[in-house]
Amino acid sequence: MTSAMIIHLIKRLLLVLLGYSLATLASAIVVGVIFTIDENQTIGQLFGVIAFTAMLIGIYAAVPAGITVIASEIVPWRGRLIFIIAATLIGAVLPIIVGLPHWYILVGIGFGPVAGLIYWSVAGRSAGFRMPAAA
């Protein structure tokens, strides 16, 4: 591997991590605000709830999101719809896994497309981009 290829792979990895982090944070903010209101907690507790929610979403969504990312990098899928569907499915299943009330499934279905678009806008639209062959 040449140094240009290694730099390219590092850039792709950083874009994937940034996109996943931003999508997770945006999802955590929405779920955290809804959970804070639902549980009649104070605004002072909101940041702790968001941090805890971001941790849970980041951990539990890592495997299915990772599978989606790896598949999109290999094949290369660059369409928004792939990431919207994947994020929506993840958002619909995570509340069941974590044990939240079933109406949180609607939150996942509602915000999943936004999380998918956030990931797509940062890393997904250039998924599978290969460096041109050296001359």
C-alpha atoms as a PDB file:
ATOM      1  CA  MET A   1       0.000   0.000   0.000  1.00  0.00           C
ATOM      2  CA  THR A   2       1.225   3.421  -0.848  1.00  0.00           C
ATOM      3  CA  SER A   3       1.099   6.312   1.558  1.00  0.00           C
ATOM      4  CA  ALA A   4      -1.589   7.989  -0.579  1.00  0.00           C
ATOM      5  CA  MET A   5      -3.822   4.932  -0.188  1.00  0.00           C
ATOM      6  CA  ILE A   6      -3.298   4.874   3.568  1.00  0.00           C
ATOM      7  CA  ILE A   7      -4.141   8.567   3.835  1.00  0.00           C
ATOM      8  CA  HIS A   8      -7.234   7.978   1.718  1.00  0.00           C
ATOM      9  CA  LEU A   9      -8.381   5.115   3.968  1.00  0.00           C
ATOM     10  CA  ILE A  10      -7.786   7.215   7.093  1.00  0.00           C
ATOM     11  CA  LYS A  11      -9.863  10.042   5.599  1.00  0.00           C
ATOM     12  CA  ARG A  12     -12.700   7.614   4.792  1.00  0.00           C
ATOM     13  CA  LEU A  13     -12.584   6.182   8.298  1.00  0.00           C
ATOM     14  CA  LEU A  14     -12.669   9.650   9.853  1.00  0.00           C
ATOM     15  CA  LEU A  15     -15.633  10.623   7.666  1.00  0.00           C
ATOM     16  CA  VAL A  16     -17.501   7.448   8.664  1.00  0.00           C
ATOM     17  CA  LEU A  17     -16.815   8.054  12.361  1.00  0.00           C
ATOM     18  CA  LEU A  18     -17.823  11.720  12.108  1.00  0.00           C
ATOM     19  CA  GLY A  19     -21.036  10.868  10.256  1.00  0.00           C
ATOM     20  CA  TYR A  20     -21.960   8.140  12.750  1.00  0.00           C
ATOM     21  CA  SER A  21     -21.166  10.412  15.693  1.00  0.00           C
ATOM     22  CA  LEU A  22     -23.264  13.287  14.370  1.00  0.00           C
ATOM     23  CA  ALA A  23     -26.200  11.020  13.529  1.00  0.00           C
ATOM     24  CA  THR A  24     -25.974   9.463  17.004  1.00  0.00           C
ATOM     25  CA  LEU A  25     -25.788  12.848  18.712  1.00  0.00           C
ATOM     26  CA  ALA A  26     -28.754  14.218  16.770  1.00  0.00           C
ATOM     27  CA  SER A  27     -30.798  11.132  17.615  1.00  0.00           C
ATOM     28  CA  ALA A  28     -29.772  11.367  21.274  1.00  0.00           C
ATOM     29  CA  ILE A  29     -30.864  14.994  21.478  1.00  0.00           C
ATOM     30  CA  VAL A  30     -34.316  14.191  20.107  1.00  0.00           C
ATOM     31  CA  VAL A  31     -34.807  11.090  22.267  1.00  0.00           C
ATOM     32  CA  GLY A  32     -33.318  12.835  25.317  1.00  0.00           C
ATOM     33  CA  VAL A  33     -35.653  15.810  25.048  1.00  0.00           C
ATOM     34  CA  ILE A  34     -38.682  13.562  24.574  1.00  0.00           C
ATOM     35  CA  PHE A  35     -37.635  11.319  27.487  1.00  0.00           C
ATOM     36  CA  THR A  36     -37.020  14.345  29.743  1.00  0.00           C
ATOM     37  CA  ILE A  37     -40.474  15.724  28.991  1.00  0.00           C
ATOM     38  CA  ASP A  38     -42.117  12.297  29.290  1.00  0.00           C
ATOM     39  CA  GLU A  39     -40.540  11.571  32.691  1.00  0.00           C
ATOM     40  CA  ASN A  40     -41.205  15.113  34.037  1.00  0.00           C
ATOM     41  CA  GLN A  41     -37.519  15.726  34.657  1.00  0.00           C
ATOM     42  CA  THR A  42     -35.967  19.163  34.979  1.00  0.00           C
ATOM     43  CA  ILE A  43     -34.076  20.915  32.237  1.00  0.00           C
ATOM     44  CA  GLY A  44     -30.942  20.573  34.390  1.00  0.00           C
ATOM     45  CA  GLN A  45     -31.136  16.822  33.939  1.00  0.00           C
ATOM     46  CA  LEU A  46     -31.482  17.116  30.166  1.00  0.00           C
ATOM     47  CA  PHE A  47     -27.755  17.119  29.396  1.00  0.00           C
ATOM     48  CA  GLY A  48     -27.187  13.994  31.474  1.00  0.00           C
ATOM     49  CA  VAL A  49     -30.095  12.271  29.743  1.00  0.00           C
ATOM     50  CA  ILE A  50     -28.742  13.268  26.326  1.00  0.00           C
ATOM     51  CA  ALA A  51     -25.251  12.010  27.192  1.00  0.00           C
ATOM     52  CA  PHE A  52     -26.619   8.699  28.479  1.00  0.00           C
ATOM     53  CA  THR A  53     -28.913   8.352  25.468  1.00  0.00           C
ATOM     54  CA  ALA A  54     -26.027   9.071  23.070  1.00  0.00           C
ATOM     55  CA  MET A  55     -24.003   6.362  24.764  1.00  0.00           C
ATOM     56  CA  LEU A  56     -26.844   3.828  24.485  1.00  0.00           C
ATOM     57  CA  ILE A  57     -27.627   4.659  20.875  1.00  0.00           C
ATOM     58  CA  GLY A  58     -23.947   4.620  19.967  1.00  0.00           C
ATOM     59  CA  ILE A  59     -23.386   1.211  21.541  1.00  0.00           C
ATOM     60  CA  TYR A  60     -26.571  -0.569  20.489  1.00  0.00           C
ATOM     61  CA  ALA A  61     -26.625   0.805  16.949  1.00  0.00           C
ATOM     62  CA  ALA A  62     -22.941   0.160  16.275  1.00  0.00           C
ATOM     63  CA  VAL A  63     -23.273  -3.355  14.842  1.00  0.00           C
ATOM     64  CA  PRO A  64     -26.200  -2.782  12.439  1.00  0.00           C
ATOM     65  CA  ALA A  65     -24.830   0.609  11.412  1.00  0.00           C
ATOM     66  CA  GLY A  66     -21.389  -0.924  10.944  1.00  0.00           C
ATOM     67  CA  ILE A  67     -22.809  -3.614   8.691  1.00  0.00           C
ATOM     68  CA  THR A  68     -24.563  -0.946   6.631  1.00  0.00           C
ATOM     69  CA  VAL A  69     -21.397   1.148   6.412  1.00  0.00           C
ATOM     70  CA  ILE A  70     -19.194  -1.777   5.408  1.00  0.00           C
ATOM     71  CA  ALA A  71     -21.704  -2.915   2.783  1.00  0.00           C
ATOM     72  CA  SER A  72     -22.019   0.606   1.379  1.00  0.00           C
ATOM     73  CA  GLU A  73     -18.248   0.984   1.181  1.00  0.00           C
ATOM     74  CA  ILE A  74     -17.747  -2.357  -0.551  1.00  0.00           C
ATOM     75  CA  VAL A  75     -20.604  -2.236  -3.067  1.00  0.00           C
ATOM     76  CA  PRO A  76     -20.516   1.181  -3.278  1.00  0.00           C
ATOM     77  CA  TRP A  77     -23.990   2.389  -2.372  1.00  0.00           C
ATOM     78  CA  ARG A  78     -24.236   6.140  -2.387  1.00  0.00           C
ATOM     79  CA  GLY A  79     -27.991   6.655  -2.463  1.00  0.00           C
ATOM     80  CA  ARG A  80     -29.729   8.425   0.378  1.00  0.00           C
ATOM     81  CA  LEU A  81     -32.468   5.819   0.493  1.00  0.00           C
ATOM     82  CA  ILE A  82     -30.127   3.054   1.710  1.00  0.00           C
ATOM     83  CA  PHE A  83     -29.043   5.094   4.717  1.00  0.00           C
ATOM     84  CA  ILE A  84     -32.555   6.372   5.425  1.00  0.00           C
ATOM     85  CA  ILE A  85     -33.975   2.837   5.462  1.00  0.00           C
ATOM     86  CA  ALA A  86     -31.132   1.468   7.585  1.00  0.00           C
ATOM     87  CA  ALA A  87     -31.337   4.280  10.157  1.00  0.00           C
ATOM     88  CA  THR A  88     -35.127   4.015  10.328  1.00  0.00           C
ATOM     89  CA  LEU A  89     -34.972   0.260  10.930  1.00  0.00           C
ATOM     90  CA  ILE A  90     -32.312   0.735  13.592  1.00  0.00           C
ATOM     91  CA  GLY A  91     -34.381   3.486  15.217  1.00  0.00           C
ATOM     92  CA  ALA A  92     -37.466   1.271  15.237  1.00  0.00           C
ATOM     93  CA  VAL A  93     -35.713  -1.744  16.765  1.00  0.00           C
ATOM     94  CA  LEU A  94     -33.534  -0.045  19.403  1.00  0.00           C
ATOM     95  CA  PRO A  95     -36.410   0.946  21.733  1.00  0.00           C
ATOM     96  CA  ILE A  96     -37.499  -2.700  21.836  1.00  0.00           C
ATOM     97  CA  ILE A  97     -33.967  -3.875  22.640  1.00  0.00           C
ATOM     98  CA  VAL A  98     -33.427  -1.240  25.338  1.00  0.00           C
ATOM     99  CA  GLY A  99     -36.880  -1.796  26.838  1.00  0.00           C
ATOM    100  CA  LEU A 100     -38.439   1.608  26.299  1.00  0.00           C
ATOM    101  CA  PRO A 101     -42.188   2.047  25.922  1.00  0.00           C
ATOM    102  CA  HIS A 102     -43.433   1.052  22.497  1.00  0.00           C
ATOM    103  CA  TRP A 103     -44.292   4.580  21.443  1.00  0.00           C
ATOM    104  CA  TYR A 104     -40.538   5.260  21.253  1.00  0.00           C
ATOM    105  CA  ILE A 105     -40.628   3.074  18.156  1.00  0.00           C
ATOM    106  CA  LEU A 106     -42.529   5.932  16.527  1.00  0.00           C
ATOM    107  CA  VAL A 107     -39.752   8.305  17.574  1.00  0.00           C
ATOM    108  CA  GLY A 108     -37.219   5.996  15.912  1.00  0.00           C
ATOM    109  CA  ILE A 109     -39.312   5.743  12.784  1.00  0.00           C
ATOM    110  CA  GLY A 110     -39.796   9.508  12.752  1.00  0.00           C
ATOM    111  CA  PHE A 111     -36.198  10.505  13.378  1.00  0.00           C
ATOM    112  CA  GLY A 112     -34.447   7.606  11.622  1.00  0.00           C
ATOM    113  CA  PRO A 113     -34.647   9.284   8.224  1.00  0.00           C
ATOM    114  CA  VAL A 114     -33.034  12.416   9.655  1.00  0.00           C
ATOM    115  CA  ALA A 115     -30.193  10.399  11.198  1.00  0.00           C
ATOM    116  CA  GLY A 116     -29.736   8.562   7.900  1.00  0.00           C
ATOM    117  CA  LEU A 117     -29.566  11.844   6.001  1.00  0.00           C
ATOM    118  CA  ILE A 118     -27.046  13.240   8.478  1.00  0.00           C
ATOM    119  CA  TYR A 119     -24.801  10.223   7.956  1.00  0.00           C
ATOM    120  CA  TRP A 120     -25.294  10.315   4.190  1.00  0.00           C
ATOM    121  CA  SER A 121     -24.436  14.022   3.978  1.00  0.00           C
ATOM    122  CA  VAL A 122     -21.166  13.537   5.864  1.00  0.00           C
ATOM    123  CA  ALA A 123     -19.901  10.139   4.665  1.00  0.00           C
ATOM    124  CA  GLY A 124     -22.489   8.156   2.722  1.00  0.00           C
ATOM    125  CA  ARG A 125     -22.605  10.209  -0.437  1.00  0.00           C
ATOM    126  CA  SER A 126     -18.968   9.380  -1.108  1.00  0.00           C
ATOM    127  CA  ALA A 127     -19.191   5.755   0.027  1.00  0.00           C
ATOM    128  CA  GLY A 128     -16.964   3.361  -1.817  1.00  0.00           C
ATOM    129  CA  PHE A 129     -14.958   6.135  -3.409  1.00  0.00           C
ATOM    130  CA  ARG A 130     -11.794   4.537  -4.640  1.00  0.00           C
ATOM    131  CA  MET A 131      -8.590   6.355  -5.349  1.00  0.00           C
ATOM    132  CA  PRO A 132      -7.689   6.533  -9.019  1.00  0.00           C
ATOM    133  CA  ALA A 133      -5.039   4.028 -10.011  1.00  0.00           C
ATOM    134  CA  ALA A 134      -1.538   5.388 -10.125  1.00  0.00           C
ATOM    135  CA  ALA A 135      -0.261   5.995 -13.629  1.00  0.00           C
END
